[in-house]
């Protein structure tokens, strides 16, 4: 899998930005960008070897995931299970509690204090 310079330029034109603007906004140096465009493959050699032994192309054994989305979905599923087991619970309250339980005690306290201040100002 290679980085396609022409596609990048095409998408830059569609968005009305220059390649320089793109690289600046992405925080990628021109040197790094051109280094990537010269590589035969952006897929690590070890992944290519594993796919080769399986007789597959590397993209077949790869998946695109967003860890935050996976975590959010796991919380939603857990909240759904809890609410299914106890029908008297409010789904949003359960979900919110599960999200907070994943935070450190200091972060939970900080958020509670911020909510308290906001409630006092608006209340």
PDB file of N, CA and C in Angstrom:
ATOM      1  N   UNK A   1       0.857  -1.158   0.000  1.00  0.00           N
ATOM      2  CA  UNK A   1       0.000   0.000   0.000  1.00  0.00           C
ATOM      3  C   UNK A   1       0.909   1.228   0.000  1.00  0.00           C
ATOM      4  N   UNK A   2       0.704   2.056  -1.002  1.00  0.00           N
ATOM      5  CA  UNK A   2       1.522   3.266  -1.169  1.00  0.00           C
ATOM      6  C   UNK A   2       0.682   4.506  -0.889  1.00  0.00           C
ATOM      7  N   UNK A   3       1.373   5.574  -0.586  1.00  0.00           N
ATOM      8  CA  UNK A   3       0.728   6.874  -0.450  1.00  0.00           C
ATOM      9  C   UNK A   3       0.582   7.453  -1.854  1.00  0.00           C
ATOM     10  N   UNK A   4      -0.628   7.754  -2.264  1.00  0.00           N
ATOM     11  CA  UNK A   4      -0.904   8.225  -3.617  1.00  0.00           C
ATOM     12  C   UNK A   4      -0.871   9.751  -3.668  1.00  0.00           C
ATOM     13  N   UNK A   5       0.227  10.296  -4.184  1.00  0.00           N
ATOM     14  CA  UNK A   5       0.401  11.756  -4.262  1.00  0.00           C
ATOM     15  C   UNK A   5      -0.697  12.427  -5.072  1.00  0.00           C
ATOM     16  N   UNK A   6      -1.081  11.798  -6.163  1.00  0.00           N
ATOM     17  CA  UNK A   6      -2.101  12.404  -7.031  1.00  0.00           C
ATOM     18  C   UNK A   6      -3.441  12.510  -6.313  1.00  0.00           C
ATOM     19  N   UNK A   7      -3.811  11.485  -5.550  1.00  0.00           N
ATOM     20  CA  UNK A   7      -5.066  11.535  -4.799  1.00  0.00           C
ATOM     21  C   UNK A   7      -5.011  12.633  -3.740  1.00  0.00           C
ATOM     22  N   UNK A   8      -3.867  12.756  -3.092  1.00  0.00           N
ATOM     23  CA  UNK A   8      -3.725  13.794  -2.072  1.00  0.00           C
ATOM     24  C   UNK A   8      -3.888  15.166  -2.709  1.00  0.00           C
ATOM     25  N   UNK A   9      -3.232  15.375  -3.848  1.00  0.00           N
ATOM     26  CA  UNK A   9      -3.352  16.659  -4.540  1.00  0.00           C
ATOM     27  C   UNK A   9      -4.790  16.927  -4.976  1.00  0.00           C
ATOM     28  N   UNK A  10      -5.461  15.876  -5.442  1.00  0.00           N
ATOM     29  CA  UNK A  10      -6.856  16.011  -5.876  1.00  0.00           C
ATOM     30  C   UNK A  10      -7.745  16.427  -4.700  1.00  0.00           C
ATOM     31  N   UNK A  11      -7.569  15.788  -3.549  1.00  0.00           N
ATOM     32  CA  UNK A  11      -8.385  16.134  -2.383  1.00  0.00           C
ATOM     33  C   UNK A  11      -8.042  17.523  -1.856  1.00  0.00           C
ATOM     34  N   UNK A  12      -6.794  17.915  -1.973  1.00  0.00           N
ATOM     35  CA  UNK A  12      -6.412  19.291  -1.595  1.00  0.00           C
ATOM     36  C   UNK A  12      -7.150  20.291  -2.485  1.00  0.00           C
ATOM     37  N   UNK A  13      -7.149  20.032  -3.801  1.00  0.00           N
ATOM     38  CA  UNK A  13      -7.849  20.937  -4.724  1.00  0.00           C
ATOM     39  C   UNK A  13      -9.335  21.015  -4.383  1.00  0.00           C
ATOM     40  N   UNK A  14      -9.943  19.861  -4.080  1.00  0.00           N
ATOM     41  CA  UNK A  14     -11.374  19.840  -3.737  1.00  0.00           C
ATOM     42  C   UNK A  14     -11.666  20.687  -2.504  1.00  0.00           C
ATOM     43  N   UNK A  15     -10.744  20.692  -1.561  1.00  0.00           N
ATOM     44  CA  UNK A  15     -10.936  21.460  -0.324  1.00  0.00           C
ATOM     45  C   UNK A  15     -10.414  22.886  -0.433  1.00  0.00           C
ATOM     46  N   UNK A  16      -9.777  23.179  -1.569  1.00  0.00           N
ATOM     47  CA  UNK A  16      -9.270  24.529  -1.785  1.00  0.00           C
ATOM     48  C   UNK A  16      -8.065  24.874  -0.931  1.00  0.00           C
ATOM     49  N   UNK A  17      -7.225  23.875  -0.664  1.00  0.00           N
ATOM     50  CA  UNK A  17      -6.013  24.129   0.111  1.00  0.00           C
ATOM     51  C   UNK A  17      -4.795  23.657  -0.673  1.00  0.00           C
ATOM     52  N   UNK A  18      -3.651  24.200  -0.328  1.00  0.00           N
ATOM     53  CA  UNK A  18      -2.406  23.781  -0.973  1.00  0.00           C
ATOM     54  C   UNK A  18      -1.814  22.603  -0.209  1.00  0.00           C
ATOM     55  N   UNK A  19      -0.868  21.933  -0.824  1.00  0.00           N
ATOM     56  CA  UNK A  19      -0.167  20.843  -0.153  1.00  0.00           C
ATOM     57  C   UNK A  19       0.549  21.379   1.084  1.00  0.00           C
ATOM     58  N   UNK A  20       1.121  22.566   0.970  1.00  0.00           N
ATOM     59  CA  UNK A  20       1.799  23.184   2.119  1.00  0.00           C
ATOM     60  C   UNK A  20       0.828  23.391   3.274  1.00  0.00           C
ATOM     61  N   UNK A  21      -0.388  23.876   2.955  1.00  0.00           N
ATOM     62  CA  UNK A  21      -1.410  24.063   3.996  1.00  0.00           C
ATOM     63  C   UNK A  21      -1.766  22.733   4.647  1.00  0.00           C
ATOM     64  N   UNK A  22      -1.943  21.718   3.822  1.00  0.00           N
ATOM     65  CA  UNK A  22      -2.284  20.390   4.333  1.00  0.00           C
ATOM     66  C   UNK A  22      -1.228  19.907   5.312  1.00  0.00           C
ATOM     67  N   UNK A  23       0.038  19.973   4.897  1.00  0.00           N
ATOM     68  CA  UNK A  23       1.128  19.468   5.733  1.00  0.00           C
ATOM     69  C   UNK A  23       1.250  20.279   7.023  1.00  0.00           C
ATOM     70  N   UNK A  24       1.077  21.583   6.905  1.00  0.00           N
ATOM     71  CA  UNK A  24       1.165  22.441   8.092  1.00  0.00           C
ATOM     72  C   UNK A  24       0.050  22.094   9.080  1.00  0.00           C
ATOM     73  N   UNK A  25      -1.188  21.988   8.589  1.00  0.00           N
ATOM     74  CA  UNK A  25      -2.330  21.668   9.452  1.00  0.00           C
ATOM     75  C   UNK A  25      -2.242  20.262  10.037  1.00  0.00           C
ATOM     76  N   UNK A  26      -1.614  19.347   9.305  1.00  0.00           N
ATOM     77  CA  UNK A  26      -1.470  17.971   9.778  1.00  0.00           C
ATOM     78  C   UNK A  26      -0.258  17.812  10.692  1.00  0.00           C
ATOM     79  N   UNK A  27       0.600  18.819  10.727  1.00  0.00           N
ATOM     80  CA  UNK A  27       1.801  18.723  11.552  1.00  0.00           C
ATOM     81  C   UNK A  27       2.821  17.754  10.981  1.00  0.00           C
ATOM     82  N   UNK A  28       2.851  17.658   9.651  1.00  0.00           N
ATOM     83  CA  UNK A  28       3.771  16.747   8.963  1.00  0.00           C
ATOM     84  C   UNK A  28       4.769  17.592   8.173  1.00  0.00           C
ATOM     85  N   UNK A  29       6.046  17.298   8.362  1.00  0.00           N
ATOM     86  CA  UNK A  29       7.059  18.068   7.626  1.00  0.00           C
ATOM     87  C   UNK A  29       7.064  17.650   6.162  1.00  0.00           C
ATOM     88  N   UNK A  30       7.528  18.546   5.325  1.00  0.00           N
ATOM     89  CA  UNK A  30       7.646  18.254   3.895  1.00  0.00           C
ATOM     90  C   UNK A  30       8.588  17.054   3.680  1.00  0.00           C
ATOM     91  N   UNK A  31       9.656  17.010   4.464  1.00  0.00           N
ATOM     92  CA  UNK A  31      10.624  15.906   4.359  1.00  0.00           C
ATOM     93  C   UNK A  31       9.957  14.574   4.678  1.00  0.00           C
ATOM     94  N   UNK A  32       9.178  14.547   5.754  1.00  0.00           N
ATOM     95  CA  UNK A  32       8.481  13.308   6.135  1.00  0.00           C
ATOM     96  C   UNK A  32       7.482  12.897   5.059  1.00  0.00           C
ATOM     97  N   UNK A  33       6.746  13.874   4.519  1.00  0.00           N
ATOM     98  CA  UNK A  33       5.756  13.591   3.484  1.00  0.00           C
ATOM     99  C   UNK A  33       6.416  12.964   2.255  1.00  0.00           C
ATOM    100  N   UNK A  34       7.480  13.599   1.770  1.00  0.00           N
ATOM    101  CA  UNK A  34       8.126  13.077   0.568  1.00  0.00           C
ATOM    102  C   UNK A  34       8.823  11.750   0.837  1.00  0.00           C
ATOM    103  N   UNK A  35       9.252  11.538   2.063  1.00  0.00           N
ATOM    104  CA  UNK A  35       9.820  10.244   2.431  1.00  0.00           C
ATOM    105  C   UNK A  35       8.743   9.158   2.329  1.00  0.00           C
ATOM    106  N   UNK A  36       7.539   9.479   2.799  1.00  0.00           N
ATOM    107  CA  UNK A  36       6.427   8.520   2.721  1.00  0.00           C
ATOM    108  C   UNK A  36       6.043   8.227   1.275  1.00  0.00           C
ATOM    109  N   UNK A  37       6.055   9.247   0.423  1.00  0.00           N
ATOM    110  CA  UNK A  37       5.646   9.043  -0.972  1.00  0.00           C
ATOM    111  C   UNK A  37       6.649   8.196  -1.742  1.00  0.00           C
ATOM    112  N   UNK A  38       7.902   8.152  -1.274  1.00  0.00           N
ATOM    113  CA  UNK A  38       8.924   7.360  -1.971  1.00  0.00           C
ATOM    114  C   UNK A  38       8.956   5.893  -1.530  1.00  0.00           C
ATOM    115  N   UNK A  39       8.276   5.579  -0.444  1.00  0.00           N
ATOM    116  CA  UNK A  39       8.296   4.201   0.051  1.00  0.00           C
ATOM    117  C   UNK A  39       7.440   3.302  -0.833  1.00  0.00           C
ATOM    118  N   UNK A  40       7.936   2.083  -1.055  1.00  0.00           N
ATOM    119  CA  UNK A  40       7.174   1.117  -1.852  1.00  0.00           C
ATOM    120  C   UNK A  40       5.896   0.698  -1.141  1.00  0.00           C
ATOM    121  N   UNK A  41       5.963   0.652   0.187  1.00  0.00           N
ATOM    122  CA  UNK A  41       4.796   0.242   0.952  1.00  0.00           C
ATOM    123  C   UNK A  41       4.826   0.903   2.323  1.00  0.00           C
ATOM    124  N   UNK A  42       3.659   1.324   2.792  1.00  0.00           N
ATOM    125  CA  UNK A  42       3.537   1.891   4.129  1.00  0.00           C
ATOM    126  C   UNK A  42       3.176   0.821   5.151  1.00  0.00           C
ATOM    127  N   UNK A  43       2.907  -0.372   4.666  1.00  0.00           N
ATOM    128  CA  UNK A  43       2.568  -1.484   5.549  1.00  0.00           C
ATOM    129  C   UNK A  43       3.873  -2.085   6.066  1.00  0.00           C
ATOM    130  N   UNK A  44       3.993  -2.256   7.392  1.00  0.00           N
ATOM    131  CA  UNK A  44       5.222  -2.823   7.946  1.00  0.00           C
ATOM    132  C   UNK A  44       5.558  -4.182   7.341  1.00  0.00           C
ATOM    133  N   UNK A  45       6.844  -4.434   7.204  1.00  0.00           N
ATOM    134  CA  UNK A  45       7.328  -5.686   6.605  1.00  0.00           C
ATOM    135  C   UNK A  45       6.781  -6.905   7.332  1.00  0.00           C
ATOM    136  N   UNK A  46       6.710  -6.848   8.656  1.00  0.00           N
ATOM    137  CA  UNK A  46       6.214  -8.001   9.421  1.00  0.00           C
ATOM    138  C   UNK A  46       4.769  -8.332   9.051  1.00  0.00           C
ATOM    139  N   UNK A  47       3.941  -7.296   8.825  1.00  0.00           N
ATOM    140  CA  UNK A  47       2.560  -7.553   8.419  1.00  0.00           C
ATOM    141  C   UNK A  47       2.513  -8.154   7.022  1.00  0.00           C
ATOM    142  N   UNK A  48       3.387  -7.688   6.153  1.00  0.00           N
ATOM    143  CA  UNK A  48       3.444  -8.234   4.796  1.00  0.00           C
ATOM    144  C   UNK A  48       3.835  -9.709   4.845  1.00  0.00           C
ATOM    145  N   UNK A  49       4.780 -10.065   5.703  1.00  0.00           N
ATOM    146  CA  UNK A  49       5.226 -11.459   5.816  1.00  0.00           C
ATOM    147  C   UNK A  49       4.121 -12.352   6.362  1.00  0.00           C
ATOM    148  N   UNK A  50       3.412 -11.882   7.386  1.00  0.00           N
ATOM    149  CA  UNK A  50       2.309 -12.669   7.957  1.00  0.00           C
ATOM    150  C   UNK A  50       1.250 -12.920   6.894  1.00  0.00           C
ATOM    151  N   UNK A  51       0.875 -11.892   6.168  1.00  0.00           N
ATOM    152  CA  UNK A  51      -0.133 -12.038   5.108  1.00  0.00           C
ATOM    153  C   UNK A  51       0.360 -12.988   4.030  1.00  0.00           C
ATOM    154  N   UNK A  52       1.625 -12.881   3.689  1.00  0.00           N
ATOM    155  CA  UNK A  52       2.202 -13.733   2.647  1.00  0.00           C
ATOM    156  C   UNK A  52       2.121 -15.208   3.031  1.00  0.00           C
ATOM    157  N   UNK A  53       2.457 -15.519   4.280  1.00  0.00           N
ATOM    158  CA  UNK A  53       2.393 -16.910   4.748  1.00  0.00           C
ATOM    159  C   UNK A  53       0.959 -17.429   4.675  1.00  0.00           C
ATOM    160  N   UNK A  54       0.004 -16.559   4.908  1.00  0.00           N
ATOM    161  CA  UNK A  54      -1.413 -16.944   4.819  1.00  0.00           C
ATOM    162  C   UNK A  54      -1.931 -16.942   3.392  1.00  0.00           C
ATOM    163  N   UNK A  55      -1.093 -16.466   2.466  1.00  0.00           N
ATOM    164  CA  UNK A  55      -1.508 -16.402   1.071  1.00  0.00           C
ATOM    165  C   UNK A  55      -2.501 -15.284   0.807  1.00  0.00           C
ATOM    166  N   UNK A  56      -2.397 -14.211   1.600  1.00  0.00           N
ATOM    167  CA  UNK A  56      -3.347 -13.099   1.487  1.00  0.00           C
ATOM    168  C   UNK A  56      -2.625 -11.789   1.238  1.00  0.00           C
ATOM    169  N   UNK A  57      -3.385 -10.791   0.835  1.00  0.00           N
ATOM    170  CA  UNK A  57      -2.849  -9.445   0.739  1.00  0.00           C
ATOM    171  C   UNK A  57      -2.935  -8.828   2.139  1.00  0.00           C
ATOM    172  N   UNK A  58      -1.984  -7.971   2.510  1.00  0.00           N
ATOM    173  CA  UNK A  58      -1.986  -7.403   3.852  1.00  0.00           C
ATOM    174  C   UNK A  58      -3.288  -6.714   4.260  1.00  0.00           C
ATOM    175  N   UNK A  59      -3.953  -6.059   3.336  1.00  0.00           N
ATOM    176  CA  UNK A  59      -5.185  -5.353   3.689  1.00  0.00           C
ATOM    177  C   UNK A  59      -6.283  -6.292   4.177  1.00  0.00           C
ATOM    178  N   UNK A  60      -6.228  -7.557   3.772  1.00  0.00           N
ATOM    179  CA  UNK A  60      -7.257  -8.519   4.173  1.00  0.00           C
ATOM    180  C   UNK A  60      -7.191  -8.784   5.681  1.00  0.00           C
ATOM    181  N   UNK A  61      -5.989  -8.743   6.255  1.00  0.00           N
ATOM    182  CA  UNK A  61      -5.856  -9.035   7.681  1.00  0.00           C
ATOM    183  C   UNK A  61      -5.862  -7.774   8.543  1.00  0.00           C
ATOM    184  N   UNK A  62      -6.126  -6.631   7.935  1.00  0.00           N
ATOM    185  CA  UNK A  62      -6.159  -5.376   8.675  1.00  0.00           C
ATOM    186  C   UNK A  62      -7.599  -4.924   8.858  1.00  0.00           C
ATOM    187  N   UNK A  63      -7.820  -4.152   9.908  1.00  0.00           N
ATOM    188  CA  UNK A  63      -9.138  -3.553  10.090  1.00  0.00           C
ATOM    189  C   UNK A  63      -8.952  -2.105  10.527  1.00  0.00           C
ATOM    190  N   UNK A  64      -9.925  -1.326  10.200  1.00  0.00           N
ATOM    191  CA  UNK A  64      -9.892   0.071  10.581  1.00  0.00           C
ATOM    192  C   UNK A  64     -10.798   0.217  11.794  1.00  0.00           C
ATOM    193  N   UNK A  65     -10.215   0.612  12.910  1.00  0.00           N
ATOM    194  CA  UNK A  65     -11.014   0.799  14.115  1.00  0.00           C
ATOM    195  C   UNK A  65     -10.629   2.106  14.783  1.00  0.00           C
ATOM    196  N   UNK A  66     -11.556   2.610  15.486  1.00  0.00           N
ATOM    197  CA  UNK A  66     -11.340   3.780  16.305  1.00  0.00           C
ATOM    198  C   UNK A  66     -11.526   3.305  17.739  1.00  0.00           C
ATOM    199  N   UNK A  67     -10.434   3.271  18.500  1.00  0.00           N
ATOM    200  CA  UNK A  67     -10.483   2.725  19.848  1.00  0.00           C
ATOM    201  C   UNK A  67     -11.541   3.430  20.698  1.00  0.00           C
ATOM    202  N   UNK A  68     -11.660   4.738  20.539  1.00  0.00           N
ATOM    203  CA  UNK A  68     -12.652   5.475  21.325  1.00  0.00           C
ATOM    204  C   UNK A  68     -14.064   5.030  20.978  1.00  0.00           C
ATOM    205  N   UNK A  69     -14.310   4.770  19.696  1.00  0.00           N
ATOM    206  CA  UNK A  69     -15.632   4.310  19.275  1.00  0.00           C
ATOM    207  C   UNK A  69     -15.901   2.917  19.850  1.00  0.00           C
ATOM    208  N   UNK A  70     -14.892   2.051  19.818  1.00  0.00           N
ATOM    209  CA  UNK A  70     -15.042   0.709  20.387  1.00  0.00           C
ATOM    210  C   UNK A  70     -15.362   0.781  21.878  1.00  0.00           C
ATOM    211  N   UNK A  71     -14.664   1.677  22.596  1.00  0.00           N
ATOM    212  CA  UNK A  71     -14.905   1.840  24.030  1.00  0.00           C
ATOM    213  C   UNK A  71     -16.317   2.358  24.286  1.00  0.00           C
ATOM    214  N   UNK A  72     -16.749   3.324  23.486  1.00  0.00           N
ATOM    215  CA  UNK A  72     -18.096   3.885  23.650  1.00  0.00           C
ATOM    216  C   UNK A  72     -19.155   2.816  23.396  1.00  0.00           C
ATOM    217  N   UNK A  73     -18.939   2.002  22.376  1.00  0.00           N
ATOM    218  CA  UNK A  73     -19.898   0.933  22.068  1.00  0.00           C
ATOM    219  C   UNK A  73     -19.945  -0.089  23.203  1.00  0.00           C
ATOM    220  N   UNK A  74     -18.792  -0.388  23.793  1.00  0.00           N
ATOM    221  CA  UNK A  74     -18.744  -1.337  24.906  1.00  0.00           C
ATOM    222  C   UNK A  74     -19.533  -0.801  26.100  1.00  0.00           C
ATOM    223  N   UNK A  75     -19.414   0.494  26.372  1.00  0.00           N
ATOM    224  CA  UNK A  75     -20.167   1.115  27.469  1.00  0.00           C
ATOM    225  C   UNK A  75     -21.665   1.039  27.180  1.00  0.00           C
ATOM    226  N   UNK A  76     -22.055   1.334  25.940  1.00  0.00           N
ATOM    227  CA  UNK A  76     -23.476   1.270  25.589  1.00  0.00           C
ATOM    228  C   UNK A  76     -24.031  -0.137  25.749  1.00  0.00           C
ATOM    229  N   UNK A  77     -23.269  -1.134  25.322  1.00  0.00           N
ATOM    230  CA  UNK A  77     -23.722  -2.525  25.464  1.00  0.00           C
ATOM    231  C   UNK A  77     -23.842  -2.928  26.927  1.00  0.00           C
ATOM    232  N   UNK A  78     -22.865  -2.491  27.732  1.00  0.00           N
ATOM    233  CA  UNK A  78     -22.900  -2.816  29.157  1.00  0.00           C
ATOM    234  C   UNK A  78     -24.098  -2.133  29.834  1.00  0.00           C
ATOM    235  N   UNK A  79     -24.347  -0.879  29.492  1.00  0.00           N
ATOM    236  CA  UNK A  79     -25.488  -0.150  30.060  1.00  0.00           C
ATOM    237  C   UNK A  79     -26.800  -0.820  29.652  1.00  0.00           C
ATOM    238  N   UNK A  80     -26.872  -1.251  28.405  1.00  0.00           N
ATOM    239  CA  UNK A  80     -28.076  -1.930  27.915  1.00  0.00           C
ATOM    240  C   UNK A  80     -28.323  -3.219  28.687  1.00  0.00           C
ATOM    241  N   UNK A  81     -27.241  -3.979  28.936  1.00  0.00           N
ATOM    242  CA  UNK A  81     -27.377  -5.242  29.680  1.00  0.00           C
ATOM    243  C   UNK A  81     -27.851  -4.970  31.106  1.00  0.00           C
ATOM    244  N   UNK A  82     -27.267  -3.965  31.749  1.00  0.00           N
ATOM    245  CA  UNK A  82     -27.650  -3.635  33.118  1.00  0.00           C
ATOM    246  C   UNK A  82     -29.109  -3.217  33.170  1.00  0.00           C
ATOM    247  N   UNK A  83     -29.550  -2.404  32.234  1.00  0.00           N
ATOM    248  CA  UNK A  83     -30.938  -1.936  32.216  1.00  0.00           C
ATOM    249  C   UNK A  83     -31.911  -3.058  31.874  1.00  0.00           C
ATOM    250  N   UNK A  84     -31.459  -4.023  31.097  1.00  0.00           N
ATOM    251  CA  UNK A  84     -32.302  -5.167  30.773  1.00  0.00           C
ATOM    252  C   UNK A  84     -32.536  -6.019  32.017  1.00  0.00           C
ATOM    253  N   UNK A  85     -31.484  -6.147  32.833  1.00  0.00           N
ATOM    254  CA  UNK A  85     -31.583  -6.945  34.060  1.00  0.00           C
ATOM    255  C   UNK A  85     -32.394  -6.242  35.146  1.00  0.00           C
ATOM    256  N   UNK A  86     -32.411  -4.909  35.143  1.00  0.00           N
ATOM    257  CA  UNK A  86     -33.150  -4.121  36.145  1.00  0.00           C
ATOM    258  C   UNK A  86     -33.922  -3.029  35.420  1.00  0.00           C
ATOM    259  N   UNK A  87     -35.187  -3.289  35.135  1.00  0.00           N
ATOM    260  CA  UNK A  87     -36.009  -2.397  34.316  1.00  0.00           C
ATOM    261  C   UNK A  87     -36.260  -1.028  34.936  1.00  0.00           C
ATOM    262  N   UNK A  88     -36.022  -0.852  36.229  1.00  0.00           N
ATOM    263  CA  UNK A  88     -36.297   0.422  36.880  1.00  0.00           C
ATOM    264  C   UNK A  88     -35.197   1.455  36.698  1.00  0.00           C
ATOM    265  N   UNK A  89     -34.114   1.093  36.024  1.00  0.00           N
ATOM    266  CA  UNK A  89     -32.988   2.009  35.870  1.00  0.00           C
ATOM    267  C   UNK A  89     -33.134   2.893  34.635  1.00  0.00           C
ATOM    268  N   UNK A  90     -32.611   4.108  34.741  1.00  0.00           N
ATOM    269  CA  UNK A  90     -32.593   5.033  33.616  1.00  0.00           C
ATOM    270  C   UNK A  90     -31.331   4.763  32.790  1.00  0.00           C
ATOM    271  N   UNK A  91     -31.501   4.463  31.517  1.00  0.00           N
ATOM    272  CA  UNK A  91     -30.381   4.094  30.646  1.00  0.00           C
ATOM    273  C   UNK A  91     -29.296   5.165  30.628  1.00  0.00           C
ATOM    274  N   UNK A  92     -29.674   6.432  30.480  1.00  0.00           N
ATOM    275  CA  UNK A  92     -28.678   7.500  30.402  1.00  0.00           C
ATOM    276  C   UNK A  92     -27.905   7.657  31.704  1.00  0.00           C
ATOM    277  N   UNK A  93     -28.568   7.464  32.826  1.00  0.00           N
ATOM    278  CA  UNK A  93     -27.869   7.532  34.114  1.00  0.00           C
ATOM    279  C   UNK A  93     -26.872   6.382  34.251  1.00  0.00           C
ATOM    280  N   UNK A  94     -27.276   5.198  33.824  1.00  0.00           N
ATOM    281  CA  UNK A  94     -26.375   4.039  33.881  1.00  0.00           C
ATOM    282  C   UNK A  94     -25.180   4.261  32.961  1.00  0.00           C
ATOM    283  N   UNK A  95     -25.442   4.702  31.757  1.00  0.00           N
ATOM    284  CA  UNK A  95     -24.355   4.960  30.803  1.00  0.00           C
ATOM    285  C   UNK A  95     -23.390   5.999  31.352  1.00  0.00           C
ATOM    286  N   UNK A  96     -23.938   7.082  31.883  1.00  0.00           N
ATOM    287  CA  UNK A  96     -23.100   8.156  32.428  1.00  0.00           C
ATOM    288  C   UNK A  96     -22.251   7.637  33.607  1.00  0.00           C
ATOM    289  N   UNK A  97     -22.842   6.839  34.453  1.00  0.00           N
ATOM    290  CA  UNK A  97     -22.111   6.274  35.592  1.00  0.00           C
ATOM    291  C   UNK A  97     -20.980   5.367  35.107  1.00  0.00           C
ATOM    292  N   UNK A  98     -21.250   4.548  34.107  1.00  0.00           N
ATOM    293  CA  UNK A  98     -20.203   3.667  33.576  1.00  0.00           C
ATOM    294  C   UNK A  98     -19.056   4.474  32.972  1.00  0.00           C
ATOM    295  N   UNK A  99     -19.389   5.561  32.290  1.00  0.00           N
ATOM    296  CA  UNK A  99     -18.350   6.428  31.714  1.00  0.00           C
ATOM    297  C   UNK A  99     -17.500   7.011  32.837  1.00  0.00           C
ATOM    298  N   UNK A 100     -18.156   7.497  33.885  1.00  0.00           N
ATOM    299  CA  UNK A 100     -17.420   8.098  35.001  1.00  0.00           C
ATOM    300  C   UNK A 100     -16.556   7.077  35.734  1.00  0.00           C
ATOM    301  N   UNK A 101     -17.016   5.842  35.824  1.00  0.00           N
ATOM    302  CA  UNK A 101     -16.234   4.812  36.514  1.00  0.00           C
ATOM    303  C   UNK A 101     -14.924   4.503  35.799  1.00  0.00           C
ATOM    304  N   UNK A 102     -14.845   4.819  34.524  1.00  0.00           N
ATOM    305  CA  UNK A 102     -13.615   4.604  33.772  1.00  0.00           C
ATOM    306  C   UNK A 102     -12.609   5.735  34.004  1.00  0.00           C
ATOM    307  N   UNK A 103     -13.064   6.831  34.611  1.00  0.00           N
ATOM    308  CA  UNK A 103     -12.198   7.974  34.913  1.00  0.00           C
ATOM    309  C   UNK A 103     -11.526   7.752  36.263  1.00  0.00           C
ATOM    310  N   UNK A 104     -10.427   8.438  36.471  1.00  0.00           N
ATOM    311  CA  UNK A 104      -9.746   8.371  37.771  1.00  0.00           C
ATOM    312  C   UNK A 104     -10.592   9.118  38.799  1.00  0.00           C
ATOM    313  N   UNK A 105     -10.429   8.790  40.091  1.00  0.00           N
ATOM    314  CA  UNK A 105     -11.184   9.511  41.120  1.00  0.00           C
ATOM    315  C   UNK A 105     -10.962  11.027  41.058  1.00  0.00           C
ATOM    316  N   UNK A 106      -9.742  11.461  40.772  1.00  0.00           N
ATOM    317  CA  UNK A 106      -9.461  12.895  40.684  1.00  0.00           C
ATOM    318  C   UNK A 106     -10.235  13.524  39.531  1.00  0.00           C
ATOM    319  N   UNK A 107     -10.272  12.854  38.386  1.00  0.00           N
ATOM    320  CA  UNK A 107     -11.010  13.376  37.236  1.00  0.00           C
ATOM    321  C   UNK A 107     -12.506  13.415  37.527  1.00  0.00           C
ATOM    322  N   UNK A 108     -13.032  12.399  38.218  1.00  0.00           N
ATOM    323  CA  UNK A 108     -14.458  12.401  38.572  1.00  0.00           C
ATOM    324  C   UNK A 108     -14.784  13.564  39.499  1.00  0.00           C
ATOM    325  N   UNK A 109     -13.897  13.812  40.467  1.00  0.00           N
ATOM    326  CA  UNK A 109     -14.101  14.922  41.394  1.00  0.00           C
ATOM    327  C   UNK A 109     -14.048  16.255  40.646  1.00  0.00           C
ATOM    328  N   UNK A 110     -13.077  16.392  39.748  1.00  0.00           N
ATOM    329  CA  UNK A 110     -12.947  17.624  38.970  1.00  0.00           C
ATOM    330  C   UNK A 110     -14.217  17.890  38.158  1.00  0.00           C
ATOM    331  N   UNK A 111     -14.727  16.852  37.514  1.00  0.00           N
ATOM    332  CA  UNK A 111     -15.945  17.012  36.706  1.00  0.00           C
ATOM    333  C   UNK A 111     -17.151  17.372  37.572  1.00  0.00           C
ATOM    334  N   UNK A 112     -17.240  16.737  38.754  1.00  0.00           N
ATOM    335  CA  UNK A 112     -18.356  17.018  39.660  1.00  0.00           C
ATOM    336  C   UNK A 112     -18.297  18.469  40.141  1.00  0.00           C
ATOM    337  N   UNK A 113     -17.098  18.938  40.456  1.00  0.00           N
ATOM    338  CA  UNK A 113     -16.946  20.321  40.899  1.00  0.00           C
ATOM    339  C   UNK A 113     -17.315  21.308  39.792  1.00  0.00           C
ATOM    340  N   UNK A 114     -16.926  20.983  38.552  1.00  0.00           N
ATOM    341  CA  UNK A 114     -17.279  21.847  37.423  1.00  0.00           C
ATOM    342  C   UNK A 114     -18.793  21.885  37.228  1.00  0.00           C
ATOM    343  N   UNK A 115     -19.431  20.727  37.332  1.00  0.00           N
ATOM    344  CA  UNK A 115     -20.886  20.680  37.195  1.00  0.00           C
ATOM    345  C   UNK A 115     -21.556  21.453  38.329  1.00  0.00           C
ATOM    346  N   UNK A 116     -20.991  21.327  39.519  1.00  0.00           N
ATOM    347  CA  UNK A 116     -21.540  22.045  40.674  1.00  0.00           C
ATOM    348  C   UNK A 116     -21.448  23.551  40.485  1.00  0.00           C
ATOM    349  N   UNK A 117     -20.320  24.013  39.984  1.00  0.00           N
ATOM    350  CA  UNK A 117     -20.158  25.448  39.730  1.00  0.00           C
ATOM    351  C   UNK A 117     -21.126  25.908  38.646  1.00  0.00           C
ATOM    352  N   UNK A 118     -21.249  25.120  37.598  1.00  0.00           N
ATOM    353  CA  UNK A 118     -22.154  25.481  36.502  1.00  0.00           C
ATOM    354  C   UNK A 118     -23.598  25.509  36.989  1.00  0.00           C
ATOM    355  N   UNK A 119     -23.975  24.565  37.840  1.00  0.00           N
ATOM    356  CA  UNK A 119     -25.334  24.513  38.386  1.00  0.00           C
ATOM    357  C   UNK A 119     -25.611  25.697  39.285  1.00  0.00           C
ATOM    358  N   UNK A 120     -24.601  26.099  40.056  1.00  0.00           N
ATOM    359  CA  UNK A 120     -24.760  27.238  40.962  1.00  0.00           C
ATOM    360  C   UNK A 120     -24.946  28.534  40.171  1.00  0.00           C
ATOM    361  N   UNK A 121     -24.192  28.665  39.096  1.00  0.00           N
ATOM    362  CA  UNK A 121     -24.280  29.876  38.272  1.00  0.00           C
ATOM    363  C   UNK A 121     -25.623  29.953  37.573  1.00  0.00           C
ATOM    364  N   UNK A 122     -26.075  28.798  37.060  1.00  0.00           N
ATOM    365  CA  UNK A 122     -27.324  28.783  36.277  1.00  0.00           C
ATOM    366  C   UNK A 122     -28.542  28.511  37.138  1.00  0.00           C
ATOM    367  N   UNK A 123     -28.343  28.035  38.353  1.00  0.00           N
ATOM    368  CA  UNK A 123     -29.463  27.616  39.185  1.00  0.00           C
ATOM    369  C   UNK A 123     -29.990  28.657  40.022  1.00  0.00           C
TER     370      UNK A 123
END
